[in-house]
Amino acid sequence: MVAIEWGPVGVWVSAVATFVAALVALLASTGAFDRRRAPRLRLTFEQTEPWCRPGTHPVHGDVLWVRVGVENVGQQPARGCVGRLSGITTDGAARADVDPIQLRWAGVPPARFFEPVDLRRGQREFVNVLYLRQGARWRIVTFEDPDFIPGFTTEIAADEHHVLHLAVFADNADTATTSLAVKVGGDERSIVAHLAGRPPRTHEIGA
């Protein structure tokens, strides 16, 4: 039987194993694996339900709600998500009369409208942005408590072209941002709403 000398091969195998172990340790120390599994927020909008939802407001009656979807497309839960309006542009001009303001979550009781929300993997919730009463003005969906005195308007004209800049913050995920463009048609029976940079579509109020 021919004897095989494994000495040099064993040295190479040991060296490769050591290198791989060191590489894994380096990646783990830099958080590379955690980043691959980290939560990731995605904001969505479509010109249909449930993003555009007819409903009833306790004060203003029949209204059209406009919401943005917030989905966790990462692997780990996104903790403490909060939606905010960071600014508005009207007919191409940035507005100084509207401050950044927190927005309300949909689908929760009033006591939890503004509480941070945890999103599991694949979970999607909606944050309310605006509601419109036919023939009236847009209203930003934020605090309505009598004690809330923002010092600026929370209503915007229906017949102007507005771009609302939105952000959702989380404790353990990068901030997700988008811009929502809205305008009511001249017949007051339709709205044009779309993410900035996307083709606009018309939505019939009450359809």
N, C-alpha and C. Protein backbone atom coordinates (compact mmCIF):
# COMPACT_ATOMS: atom_id res chain seq x y z
N MET A 1 0.85 -1.19 0.00
CA MET A 1 0.00 0.00 0.00
C MET A 1 0.89 1.25 0.00
N VAL A 2 0.48 2.26 -0.81
CA VAL A 2 1.27 3.49 -0.93
C VAL A 2 0.87 4.44 0.19
N ALA A 3 1.82 4.94 0.91
CA ALA A 3 1.57 5.90 1.99
C ALA A 3 1.40 7.31 1.41
N ILE A 4 0.42 8.05 1.92
CA ILE A 4 0.15 9.42 1.46
C ILE A 4 0.59 10.39 2.53
N GLU A 5 1.36 11.36 2.12
CA GLU A 5 1.83 12.38 3.05
C GLU A 5 0.80 13.51 3.13
N TRP A 6 0.11 13.62 4.28
CA TRP A 6 -0.93 14.62 4.46
C TRP A 6 -0.42 15.90 5.13
N GLY A 7 0.81 15.95 5.46
CA GLY A 7 1.32 17.10 6.19
C GLY A 7 1.01 18.44 5.56
N PRO A 8 1.46 18.73 4.31
CA PRO A 8 1.19 20.04 3.70
C PRO A 8 -0.29 20.32 3.52
N VAL A 9 -1.08 19.28 3.15
CA VAL A 9 -2.51 19.48 2.98
C VAL A 9 -3.17 19.87 4.31
N GLY A 10 -2.77 19.19 5.37
CA GLY A 10 -3.31 19.51 6.68
C GLY A 10 -3.02 20.93 7.09
N VAL A 11 -1.83 21.41 6.75
CA VAL A 11 -1.47 22.79 7.07
C VAL A 11 -2.38 23.76 6.34
N TRP A 12 -2.64 23.48 5.05
CA TRP A 12 -3.52 24.37 4.27
C TRP A 12 -4.95 24.34 4.80
N VAL A 13 -5.45 23.16 5.11
CA VAL A 13 -6.80 23.05 5.64
C VAL A 13 -6.92 23.82 6.95
N SER A 14 -5.93 23.68 7.81
CA SER A 14 -5.95 24.40 9.08
C SER A 14 -5.92 25.91 8.86
N ALA A 15 -5.11 26.35 7.87
CA ALA A 15 -5.01 27.78 7.58
C ALA A 15 -6.34 28.33 7.06
N VAL A 16 -6.99 27.58 6.14
CA VAL A 16 -8.28 28.02 5.58
C VAL A 16 -9.33 28.09 6.67
N ALA A 17 -9.37 27.07 7.55
CA ALA A 17 -10.35 27.06 8.64
C ALA A 17 -10.14 28.25 9.56
N THR A 18 -8.88 28.56 9.84
CA THR A 18 -8.58 29.71 10.69
C THR A 18 -9.04 31.01 10.03
N PHE A 19 -8.79 31.13 8.73
CA PHE A 19 -9.20 32.33 7.99
C PHE A 19 -10.71 32.50 8.00
N VAL A 20 -11.43 31.41 7.73
CA VAL A 20 -12.89 31.47 7.71
C VAL A 20 -13.43 31.86 9.08
N ALA A 21 -12.88 31.27 10.13
CA ALA A 21 -13.33 31.60 11.49
C ALA A 21 -13.08 33.06 11.80
N ALA A 22 -11.93 33.57 11.37
CA ALA A 22 -11.61 34.97 11.62
C ALA A 22 -12.55 35.88 10.83
N LEU A 23 -12.88 35.47 9.58
CA LEU A 23 -13.78 36.28 8.75
C LEU A 23 -15.17 36.33 9.36
N VAL A 24 -15.66 35.19 9.82
CA VAL A 24 -16.98 35.15 10.45
C VAL A 24 -17.00 36.03 11.70
N ALA A 25 -15.94 35.95 12.49
CA ALA A 25 -15.87 36.76 13.70
C ALA A 25 -15.85 38.25 13.36
N LEU A 26 -15.13 38.61 12.27
CA LEU A 26 -15.06 40.01 11.85
C LEU A 26 -16.43 40.51 11.40
N LEU A 27 -17.11 39.71 10.59
CA LEU A 27 -18.44 40.12 10.11
C LEU A 27 -19.41 40.25 11.27
N ALA A 28 -19.31 39.34 12.22
CA ALA A 28 -20.20 39.40 13.39
C ALA A 28 -19.92 40.65 14.22
N SER A 29 -18.64 41.00 14.37
CA SER A 29 -18.28 42.16 15.18
C SER A 29 -18.71 43.46 14.53
N THR A 30 -18.78 43.50 13.19
CA THR A 30 -19.18 44.72 12.49
C THR A 30 -20.70 44.81 12.31
N GLY A 31 -21.42 43.78 12.72
CA GLY A 31 -22.87 43.81 12.62
C GLY A 31 -23.40 43.49 11.24
N ALA A 32 -22.57 42.88 10.37
CA ALA A 32 -23.03 42.58 9.01
C ALA A 32 -24.21 41.63 9.00
N PHE A 33 -24.17 40.62 9.85
CA PHE A 33 -25.27 39.67 9.90
C PHE A 33 -26.54 40.33 10.43
N ASP A 34 -26.37 41.19 11.45
CA ASP A 34 -27.53 41.88 12.00
C ASP A 34 -28.17 42.79 10.97
N ARG A 35 -27.35 43.46 10.13
CA ARG A 35 -27.90 44.35 9.11
C ARG A 35 -28.72 43.58 8.09
N ARG A 36 -28.29 42.37 7.77
CA ARG A 36 -29.05 41.57 6.81
C ARG A 36 -30.41 41.18 7.37
N ARG A 37 -30.50 41.02 8.67
CA ARG A 37 -31.74 40.60 9.31
C ARG A 37 -32.51 41.77 9.91
N ALA A 38 -32.00 42.97 9.78
CA ALA A 38 -32.60 44.13 10.43
C ALA A 38 -33.97 44.45 9.85
N PRO A 39 -34.84 45.10 10.62
CA PRO A 39 -36.13 45.56 10.08
C PRO A 39 -35.91 46.62 9.01
N ARG A 40 -36.81 46.67 8.06
CA ARG A 40 -36.73 47.66 6.98
C ARG A 40 -38.13 48.12 6.65
N LEU A 41 -38.38 49.42 6.76
CA LEU A 41 -39.70 49.98 6.54
C LEU A 41 -39.88 50.41 5.09
N ARG A 42 -41.07 50.13 4.56
CA ARG A 42 -41.41 50.56 3.20
C ARG A 42 -42.76 51.27 3.25
N LEU A 43 -42.83 52.47 2.65
CA LEU A 43 -44.06 53.24 2.60
C LEU A 43 -44.71 53.08 1.23
N THR A 44 -46.04 52.86 1.23
CA THR A 44 -46.74 52.59 -0.02
C THR A 44 -48.00 53.44 -0.11
N PHE A 45 -48.45 53.66 -1.35
CA PHE A 45 -49.73 54.31 -1.59
C PHE A 45 -50.26 53.86 -2.94
N GLU A 46 -51.55 53.55 -2.99
CA GLU A 46 -52.22 53.22 -4.23
C GLU A 46 -53.53 54.00 -4.29
N GLN A 47 -53.97 54.28 -5.50
CA GLN A 47 -55.19 55.07 -5.70
C GLN A 47 -56.42 54.17 -5.61
N THR A 48 -56.54 53.47 -4.50
CA THR A 48 -57.64 52.55 -4.28
C THR A 48 -57.73 52.26 -2.79
N GLU A 49 -58.78 51.56 -2.37
CA GLU A 49 -58.83 51.11 -0.98
C GLU A 49 -57.77 50.04 -0.76
N PRO A 50 -57.19 49.94 0.44
CA PRO A 50 -57.52 50.69 1.66
C PRO A 50 -56.75 51.99 1.83
N TRP A 51 -55.95 52.40 0.83
CA TRP A 51 -55.21 53.66 0.97
C TRP A 51 -56.16 54.87 0.90
N CYS A 52 -57.15 54.82 0.02
CA CYS A 52 -58.20 55.85 -0.07
C CYS A 52 -59.49 55.21 0.43
N ARG A 53 -60.00 55.67 1.55
CA ARG A 53 -61.11 54.97 2.20
C ARG A 53 -62.24 55.94 2.56
N PRO A 54 -63.42 55.80 1.93
CA PRO A 54 -64.57 56.60 2.38
C PRO A 54 -64.95 56.21 3.80
N GLY A 55 -65.37 57.18 4.56
CA GLY A 55 -65.74 56.89 5.95
C GLY A 55 -66.55 58.01 6.53
N THR A 56 -66.79 57.92 7.82
CA THR A 56 -67.59 58.92 8.53
C THR A 56 -66.77 59.51 9.66
N HIS A 57 -66.69 60.83 9.67
CA HIS A 57 -66.01 61.55 10.73
C HIS A 57 -67.04 61.94 11.78
N PRO A 58 -66.72 61.85 13.09
CA PRO A 58 -67.72 62.15 14.12
C PRO A 58 -68.24 63.58 14.09
N VAL A 59 -67.48 64.50 13.49
CA VAL A 59 -67.91 65.90 13.43
C VAL A 59 -68.32 66.30 12.01
N HIS A 60 -67.50 65.91 11.02
CA HIS A 60 -67.69 66.40 9.65
C HIS A 60 -68.47 65.45 8.75
N GLY A 61 -68.95 64.35 9.28
CA GLY A 61 -69.79 63.46 8.48
C GLY A 61 -68.99 62.65 7.47
N ASP A 62 -69.54 62.49 6.26
CA ASP A 62 -68.90 61.67 5.24
C ASP A 62 -67.63 62.34 4.74
N VAL A 63 -66.54 61.61 4.76
CA VAL A 63 -65.24 62.13 4.34
C VAL A 63 -64.51 61.06 3.54
N LEU A 64 -63.44 61.45 2.90
CA LEU A 64 -62.53 60.53 2.23
C LEU A 64 -61.19 60.57 2.96
N TRP A 65 -60.78 59.43 3.51
CA TRP A 65 -59.49 59.34 4.19
C TRP A 65 -58.41 58.99 3.18
N VAL A 66 -57.27 59.61 3.31
CA VAL A 66 -56.10 59.27 2.49
C VAL A 66 -55.00 58.84 3.45
N ARG A 67 -54.53 57.59 3.27
CA ARG A 67 -53.55 57.02 4.20
C ARG A 67 -52.34 56.49 3.43
N VAL A 68 -51.27 56.27 4.14
CA VAL A 68 -50.06 55.68 3.59
C VAL A 68 -49.80 54.36 4.31
N GLY A 69 -49.50 53.31 3.55
CA GLY A 69 -49.18 52.03 4.15
C GLY A 69 -47.75 52.01 4.67
N VAL A 70 -47.54 51.38 5.82
CA VAL A 70 -46.22 51.22 6.42
C VAL A 70 -46.00 49.73 6.64
N GLU A 71 -45.04 49.17 5.93
CA GLU A 71 -44.81 47.72 5.98
C GLU A 71 -43.36 47.43 6.39
N ASN A 72 -43.20 46.42 7.23
CA ASN A 72 -41.86 45.96 7.61
C ASN A 72 -41.47 44.83 6.66
N VAL A 73 -40.52 45.11 5.75
CA VAL A 73 -40.09 44.10 4.78
C VAL A 73 -38.75 43.48 5.20
N GLY A 74 -38.31 43.75 6.42
CA GLY A 74 -37.11 43.13 6.95
C GLY A 74 -37.42 41.85 7.70
N GLN A 75 -36.42 41.31 8.38
CA GLN A 75 -36.57 40.04 9.07
C GLN A 75 -36.97 40.20 10.54
N GLN A 76 -36.48 41.22 11.19
CA GLN A 76 -36.75 41.42 12.61
C GLN A 76 -37.87 42.44 12.81
N PRO A 77 -38.54 42.42 13.96
CA PRO A 77 -39.58 43.41 14.23
C PRO A 77 -39.02 44.84 14.25
N ALA A 78 -39.81 45.78 13.72
CA ALA A 78 -39.48 47.20 13.79
C ALA A 78 -40.17 47.77 15.02
N ARG A 79 -39.39 48.32 15.93
CA ARG A 79 -39.91 48.77 17.22
C ARG A 79 -40.16 50.27 17.24
N GLY A 80 -41.27 50.66 17.86
CA GLY A 80 -41.52 52.07 18.13
C GLY A 80 -41.71 52.94 16.91
N CYS A 81 -42.51 52.49 15.94
CA CYS A 81 -42.70 53.26 14.70
C CYS A 81 -43.65 54.44 14.94
N VAL A 82 -43.26 55.61 14.44
CA VAL A 82 -44.04 56.84 14.58
C VAL A 82 -44.07 57.54 13.23
N GLY A 83 -45.27 57.95 12.79
CA GLY A 83 -45.41 58.65 11.52
C GLY A 83 -45.52 60.16 11.73
N ARG A 84 -44.85 60.91 10.84
CA ARG A 84 -44.88 62.36 10.95
C ARG A 84 -44.96 63.00 9.56
N LEU A 85 -45.63 64.15 9.53
CA LEU A 85 -45.59 65.03 8.37
C LEU A 85 -44.43 65.99 8.59
N SER A 86 -43.45 65.96 7.70
CA SER A 86 -42.27 66.80 7.90
C SER A 86 -42.35 68.14 7.18
N GLY A 87 -43.29 68.27 6.23
CA GLY A 87 -43.43 69.54 5.53
C GLY A 87 -44.39 69.42 4.37
N ILE A 88 -44.81 70.58 3.83
CA ILE A 88 -45.73 70.61 2.70
C ILE A 88 -45.22 71.61 1.66
N THR A 89 -45.34 71.23 0.40
CA THR A 89 -45.09 72.14 -0.72
C THR A 89 -46.41 72.36 -1.43
N THR A 90 -46.79 73.61 -1.66
CA THR A 90 -48.05 73.94 -2.32
C THR A 90 -47.76 74.71 -3.60
N ASP A 91 -48.23 74.16 -4.71
CA ASP A 91 -48.00 74.76 -6.03
C ASP A 91 -46.52 75.09 -6.23
N GLY A 92 -45.66 74.18 -5.77
CA GLY A 92 -44.23 74.29 -5.99
C GLY A 92 -43.46 75.09 -4.97
N ALA A 93 -44.14 75.68 -3.99
CA ALA A 93 -43.47 76.51 -2.99
C ALA A 93 -43.56 75.85 -1.62
N ALA A 94 -42.41 75.75 -0.94
CA ALA A 94 -42.39 75.19 0.42
C ALA A 94 -43.14 76.12 1.36
N ARG A 95 -43.94 75.54 2.24
CA ARG A 95 -44.76 76.33 3.15
C ARG A 95 -44.06 76.49 4.49
N ALA A 96 -44.05 77.74 4.97
CA ALA A 96 -43.49 78.03 6.29
C ALA A 96 -44.58 78.11 7.35
N ASP A 97 -45.86 77.98 6.92
CA ASP A 97 -46.96 78.14 7.88
C ASP A 97 -47.47 76.80 8.42
N VAL A 98 -46.80 75.70 8.10
CA VAL A 98 -47.18 74.39 8.63
C VAL A 98 -45.93 73.74 9.22
N ASP A 99 -45.96 73.46 10.51
CA ASP A 99 -44.82 72.84 11.18
C ASP A 99 -44.86 71.33 11.01
N PRO A 100 -43.72 70.64 11.23
CA PRO A 100 -43.76 69.18 11.32
C PRO A 100 -44.73 68.75 12.42
N ILE A 101 -45.44 67.66 12.17
CA ILE A 101 -46.49 67.26 13.10
C ILE A 101 -46.68 65.75 13.06
N GLN A 102 -47.05 65.18 14.20
CA GLN A 102 -47.26 63.73 14.27
C GLN A 102 -48.61 63.37 13.65
N LEU A 103 -48.63 62.22 12.96
CA LEU A 103 -49.84 61.72 12.32
C LEU A 103 -50.41 60.55 13.10
N ARG A 104 -51.68 60.24 12.83
CA ARG A 104 -52.39 59.21 13.58
C ARG A 104 -52.33 57.87 12.86
N TRP A 105 -52.23 56.80 13.65
CA TRP A 105 -52.35 55.46 13.11
C TRP A 105 -53.82 55.13 12.88
N ALA A 106 -54.09 54.39 11.81
CA ALA A 106 -55.44 53.90 11.54
C ALA A 106 -55.62 52.54 12.20
N GLY A 107 -56.90 52.16 12.40
CA GLY A 107 -57.19 50.82 12.89
C GLY A 107 -56.92 50.58 14.35
N VAL A 108 -56.78 51.64 15.14
CA VAL A 108 -56.58 51.50 16.59
C VAL A 108 -57.56 52.43 17.30
N PRO A 109 -57.89 52.16 18.56
CA PRO A 109 -58.80 53.05 19.29
C PRO A 109 -58.16 54.40 19.55
N PRO A 110 -58.98 55.45 19.78
CA PRO A 110 -58.44 56.80 19.96
C PRO A 110 -57.33 56.90 20.99
N ALA A 111 -57.39 56.12 22.06
CA ALA A 111 -56.37 56.21 23.10
C ALA A 111 -55.00 55.80 22.59
N ARG A 112 -54.93 55.10 21.44
CA ARG A 112 -53.66 54.62 20.91
C ARG A 112 -53.30 55.26 19.57
N PHE A 113 -54.04 56.32 19.16
CA PHE A 113 -53.78 56.95 17.87
C PHE A 113 -52.32 57.33 17.67
N PHE A 114 -51.68 57.81 18.72
CA PHE A 114 -50.34 58.38 18.59
C PHE A 114 -49.26 57.57 19.29
N GLU A 115 -49.62 56.41 19.82
CA GLU A 115 -48.62 55.56 20.45
C GLU A 115 -47.70 54.93 19.40
N PRO A 116 -46.41 54.77 19.70
CA PRO A 116 -45.52 54.06 18.77
C PRO A 116 -46.03 52.64 18.54
N VAL A 117 -45.84 52.15 17.31
CA VAL A 117 -46.34 50.84 16.89
C VAL A 117 -45.17 49.93 16.56
N ASP A 118 -45.26 48.67 16.99
CA ASP A 118 -44.28 47.65 16.61
C ASP A 118 -44.81 46.89 15.40
N LEU A 119 -43.98 46.71 14.39
CA LEU A 119 -44.36 45.99 13.17
C LEU A 119 -43.54 44.72 13.04
N ARG A 120 -44.21 43.57 13.02
CA ARG A 120 -43.53 42.30 12.82
C ARG A 120 -43.17 42.13 11.35
N ARG A 121 -42.41 41.09 11.05
CA ARG A 121 -42.01 40.82 9.66
C ARG A 121 -43.25 40.62 8.79
N GLY A 122 -43.33 41.40 7.72
CA GLY A 122 -44.45 41.30 6.79
C GLY A 122 -45.70 42.02 7.23
N GLN A 123 -45.71 42.63 8.40
CA GLN A 123 -46.91 43.32 8.89
C GLN A 123 -47.03 44.68 8.25
N ARG A 124 -48.25 45.04 7.86
CA ARG A 124 -48.52 46.36 7.28
C ARG A 124 -49.63 47.04 8.06
N GLU A 125 -49.38 48.29 8.42
CA GLU A 125 -50.38 49.14 9.05
C GLU A 125 -50.51 50.41 8.22
N PHE A 126 -51.50 51.24 8.57
CA PHE A 126 -51.72 52.47 7.82
C PHE A 126 -51.64 53.67 8.76
N VAL A 127 -51.02 54.72 8.26
CA VAL A 127 -50.98 55.97 9.00
C VAL A 127 -51.85 56.98 8.23
N ASN A 128 -52.80 57.59 8.93
CA ASN A 128 -53.68 58.57 8.30
C ASN A 128 -52.90 59.84 7.98
N VAL A 129 -53.16 60.40 6.81
CA VAL A 129 -52.47 61.63 6.40
C VAL A 129 -53.45 62.78 6.30
N LEU A 130 -54.52 62.59 5.51
CA LEU A 130 -55.49 63.65 5.26
C LEU A 130 -56.90 63.07 5.27
N TYR A 131 -57.88 63.94 5.48
CA TYR A 131 -59.23 63.57 5.09
C TYR A 131 -59.88 64.78 4.42
N LEU A 132 -60.82 64.49 3.54
CA LEU A 132 -61.47 65.52 2.73
C LEU A 132 -62.98 65.37 2.84
N ARG A 133 -63.65 66.47 3.17
CA ARG A 133 -65.11 66.52 3.08
C ARG A 133 -65.46 67.16 1.76
N GLN A 134 -66.39 66.57 1.02
CA GLN A 134 -66.71 67.06 -0.32
C GLN A 134 -67.03 68.55 -0.29
N GLY A 135 -66.35 69.28 -1.17
CA GLY A 135 -66.55 70.71 -1.27
C GLY A 135 -65.84 71.52 -0.20
N ALA A 136 -65.06 70.84 0.67
CA ALA A 136 -64.38 71.54 1.76
C ALA A 136 -62.86 71.47 1.55
N ARG A 137 -62.13 71.73 2.63
CA ARG A 137 -60.68 71.73 2.56
C ARG A 137 -60.13 70.41 3.07
N TRP A 138 -58.88 70.11 2.64
CA TRP A 138 -58.16 68.99 3.24
C TRP A 138 -57.87 69.31 4.70
N ARG A 139 -57.90 68.31 5.53
CA ARG A 139 -57.49 68.48 6.92
C ARG A 139 -56.43 67.44 7.24
N ILE A 140 -55.32 67.89 7.82
CA ILE A 140 -54.27 66.98 8.24
C ILE A 140 -54.78 66.15 9.41
N VAL A 141 -54.57 64.84 9.37
CA VAL A 141 -55.09 63.97 10.41
C VAL A 141 -54.09 63.92 11.56
N THR A 142 -54.31 64.75 12.53
CA THR A 142 -53.41 64.82 13.68
C THR A 142 -54.26 65.00 14.94
N PHE A 143 -53.70 65.59 15.98
CA PHE A 143 -54.43 65.78 17.24
C PHE A 143 -55.68 66.63 17.03
N GLU A 144 -56.77 66.23 17.68
CA GLU A 144 -58.00 67.02 17.64
C GLU A 144 -58.46 67.37 19.05
N ASP A 145 -57.63 67.09 20.02
CA ASP A 145 -57.95 67.41 21.40
C ASP A 145 -58.10 68.92 21.55
N PRO A 146 -59.11 69.38 22.30
CA PRO A 146 -59.28 70.83 22.49
C PRO A 146 -58.06 71.50 23.10
N ASP A 147 -57.25 70.73 23.84
CA ASP A 147 -56.07 71.32 24.46
C ASP A 147 -54.92 71.47 23.48
N PHE A 148 -55.05 70.89 22.27
CA PHE A 148 -53.98 70.98 21.28
C PHE A 148 -54.14 72.26 20.48
N ILE A 149 -53.23 73.19 20.69
CA ILE A 149 -53.25 74.46 19.96
C ILE A 149 -51.92 74.57 19.21
N PRO A 150 -51.89 74.13 17.94
CA PRO A 150 -50.61 74.04 17.24
C PRO A 150 -49.99 75.38 16.90
N GLY A 151 -50.82 76.42 16.78
CA GLY A 151 -50.27 77.71 16.39
C GLY A 151 -50.09 77.84 14.89
N PHE A 152 -50.58 76.87 14.13
CA PHE A 152 -50.53 76.93 12.67
C PHE A 152 -51.72 76.16 12.13
N THR A 153 -52.02 76.36 10.86
CA THR A 153 -53.19 75.73 10.27
C THR A 153 -52.98 74.23 10.07
N THR A 154 -54.04 73.46 10.28
CA THR A 154 -54.02 72.04 9.94
C THR A 154 -54.95 71.77 8.77
N GLU A 155 -55.37 72.83 8.07
CA GLU A 155 -56.19 72.70 6.88
C GLU A 155 -55.44 73.27 5.68
N ILE A 156 -55.66 72.66 4.51
CA ILE A 156 -55.04 73.15 3.28
C ILE A 156 -56.10 73.15 2.19
N ALA A 157 -55.99 74.11 1.27
CA ALA A 157 -57.00 74.30 0.23
C ALA A 157 -57.12 73.07 -0.64
N ALA A 158 -58.35 72.76 -1.03
CA ALA A 158 -58.59 71.55 -1.81
C ALA A 158 -58.21 71.71 -3.28
N ASP A 159 -58.25 72.92 -3.81
CA ASP A 159 -58.09 73.11 -5.24
C ASP A 159 -56.65 73.45 -5.64
N GLU A 160 -55.70 73.35 -4.70
CA GLU A 160 -54.29 73.58 -5.02
C GLU A 160 -53.54 72.25 -5.04
N HIS A 161 -52.39 72.27 -5.68
CA HIS A 161 -51.58 71.06 -5.78
C HIS A 161 -50.61 71.03 -4.60
N HIS A 162 -50.78 70.03 -3.74
CA HIS A 162 -49.95 69.90 -2.54
C HIS A 162 -49.08 68.65 -2.63
N VAL A 163 -47.87 68.77 -2.13
CA VAL A 163 -46.99 67.62 -1.94
C VAL A 163 -46.66 67.55 -0.46
N LEU A 164 -47.07 66.46 0.17
CA LEU A 164 -46.84 66.27 1.60
C LEU A 164 -45.64 65.35 1.79
N HIS A 165 -44.66 65.81 2.55
CA HIS A 165 -43.44 65.05 2.78
C HIS A 165 -43.60 64.28 4.10
N LEU A 166 -43.52 62.97 4.00
CA LEU A 166 -43.85 62.08 5.12
C LEU A 166 -42.64 61.28 5.55
N ALA A 167 -42.60 60.93 6.83
CA ALA A 167 -41.52 60.11 7.36
C ALA A 167 -42.07 59.21 8.45
N VAL A 168 -41.54 57.99 8.51
CA VAL A 168 -41.85 57.07 9.61
C VAL A 168 -40.54 56.71 10.29
N PHE A 169 -40.46 56.96 11.59
CA PHE A 169 -39.27 56.72 12.39
C PHE A 169 -39.46 55.46 13.21
N ALA A 170 -38.37 54.77 13.51
CA ALA A 170 -38.41 53.58 14.36
C ALA A 170 -37.18 53.56 15.23
N ASP A 171 -37.28 52.82 16.35
CA ASP A 171 -36.15 52.74 17.28
C ASP A 171 -34.97 51.96 16.69
N ASN A 172 -35.25 50.97 15.83
CA ASN A 172 -34.19 50.08 15.37
C ASN A 172 -34.19 49.88 13.87
N ALA A 173 -34.72 50.86 13.12
CA ALA A 173 -34.71 50.77 11.65
C ALA A 173 -34.44 52.16 11.08
N ASP A 174 -33.90 52.18 9.86
CA ASP A 174 -33.68 53.46 9.19
C ASP A 174 -35.02 54.16 8.94
N THR A 175 -35.00 55.47 8.98
CA THR A 175 -36.20 56.26 8.71
C THR A 175 -36.64 56.06 7.27
N ALA A 176 -37.95 55.81 7.07
CA ALA A 176 -38.51 55.67 5.73
C ALA A 176 -39.22 56.97 5.37
N THR A 177 -39.01 57.46 4.14
CA THR A 177 -39.62 58.72 3.72
C THR A 177 -40.30 58.54 2.37
N THR A 178 -41.28 59.37 2.12
CA THR A 178 -41.92 59.44 0.81
C THR A 178 -42.63 60.78 0.70
N SER A 179 -43.14 61.09 -0.49
CA SER A 179 -43.88 62.33 -0.71
C SER A 179 -45.18 62.00 -1.43
N LEU A 180 -46.27 62.53 -0.91
CA LEU A 180 -47.61 62.24 -1.43
C LEU A 180 -48.17 63.51 -2.05
N ALA A 181 -48.55 63.45 -3.33
CA ALA A 181 -49.12 64.59 -4.05
C ALA A 181 -50.63 64.45 -4.11
N VAL A 182 -51.37 65.54 -3.81
CA VAL A 182 -52.84 65.49 -3.82
C VAL A 182 -53.40 66.78 -4.40
N LYS A 183 -54.57 66.63 -5.06
CA LYS A 183 -55.33 67.79 -5.53
C LYS A 183 -56.75 67.33 -5.83
N VAL A 184 -57.72 68.18 -5.54
CA VAL A 184 -59.11 67.88 -5.84
C VAL A 184 -59.43 68.40 -7.23
N GLY A 185 -60.19 67.59 -8.00
CA GLY A 185 -60.56 68.01 -9.34
C GLY A 185 -61.51 69.19 -9.35
N GLY A 186 -61.63 69.85 -10.51
CA GLY A 186 -62.47 71.04 -10.62
C GLY A 186 -63.94 70.77 -10.39
N ASP A 187 -64.36 69.51 -10.59
CA ASP A 187 -65.77 69.18 -10.38
C ASP A 187 -66.08 68.83 -8.93
N GLU A 188 -65.05 68.84 -8.08
CA GLU A 188 -65.18 68.50 -6.66
C GLU A 188 -65.71 67.10 -6.45
N ARG A 189 -65.63 66.27 -7.47
CA ARG A 189 -66.07 64.89 -7.35
C ARG A 189 -64.92 63.91 -7.48
N SER A 190 -63.73 64.43 -7.70
CA SER A 190 -62.59 63.53 -7.90
C SER A 190 -61.34 64.13 -7.28
N ILE A 191 -60.43 63.26 -6.90
CA ILE A 191 -59.13 63.72 -6.40
C ILE A 191 -58.04 63.04 -7.22
N VAL A 192 -56.92 63.71 -7.32
CA VAL A 192 -55.71 63.13 -7.91
C VAL A 192 -54.71 62.99 -6.78
N ALA A 193 -54.33 61.77 -6.47
CA ALA A 193 -53.39 61.51 -5.39
C ALA A 193 -52.41 60.43 -5.84
N HIS A 194 -51.14 60.66 -5.60
CA HIS A 194 -50.12 59.70 -6.02
C HIS A 194 -48.82 60.02 -5.30
N LEU A 195 -47.94 59.03 -5.22
CA LEU A 195 -46.61 59.29 -4.70
C LEU A 195 -45.86 60.17 -5.69
N ALA A 196 -45.15 61.16 -5.20
CA ALA A 196 -44.39 62.05 -6.07
C ALA A 196 -43.44 61.22 -6.94
N GLY A 197 -43.42 61.53 -8.23
CA GLY A 197 -42.59 60.77 -9.16
C GLY A 197 -43.31 59.61 -9.81
N ARG A 198 -44.53 59.30 -9.35
CA ARG A 198 -45.35 58.25 -9.95
C ARG A 198 -46.45 58.87 -10.81
N PRO A 199 -46.94 58.16 -11.83
CA PRO A 199 -48.02 58.71 -12.66
C PRO A 199 -49.28 58.94 -11.83
N PRO A 200 -49.93 60.11 -11.98
CA PRO A 200 -51.16 60.39 -11.22
C PRO A 200 -52.34 59.61 -11.77
N ARG A 201 -53.27 59.29 -10.87
CA ARG A 201 -54.54 58.69 -11.26
C ARG A 201 -55.66 59.42 -10.53
N THR A 202 -56.85 59.41 -11.14
CA THR A 202 -57.98 60.11 -10.57
C THR A 202 -58.86 59.16 -9.79
N HIS A 203 -59.28 59.58 -8.61
CA HIS A 203 -60.16 58.79 -7.76
C HIS A 203 -61.46 59.55 -7.59
N GLU A 204 -62.58 58.87 -7.91
CA GLU A 204 -63.90 59.51 -7.77
C GLU A 204 -64.31 59.47 -6.30
N ILE A 205 -64.67 60.62 -5.75
CA ILE A 205 -65.12 60.70 -4.38
C ILE A 205 -66.45 59.98 -4.25
N GLY A 206 -66.52 59.07 -3.30
CA GLY A 206 -67.73 58.29 -3.11
C GLY A 206 -67.79 57.06 -3.97
N ALA A 207 -66.77 56.85 -4.85
CA ALA A 207 -66.77 55.65 -5.70
C ALA A 207 -66.28 54.46 -4.93
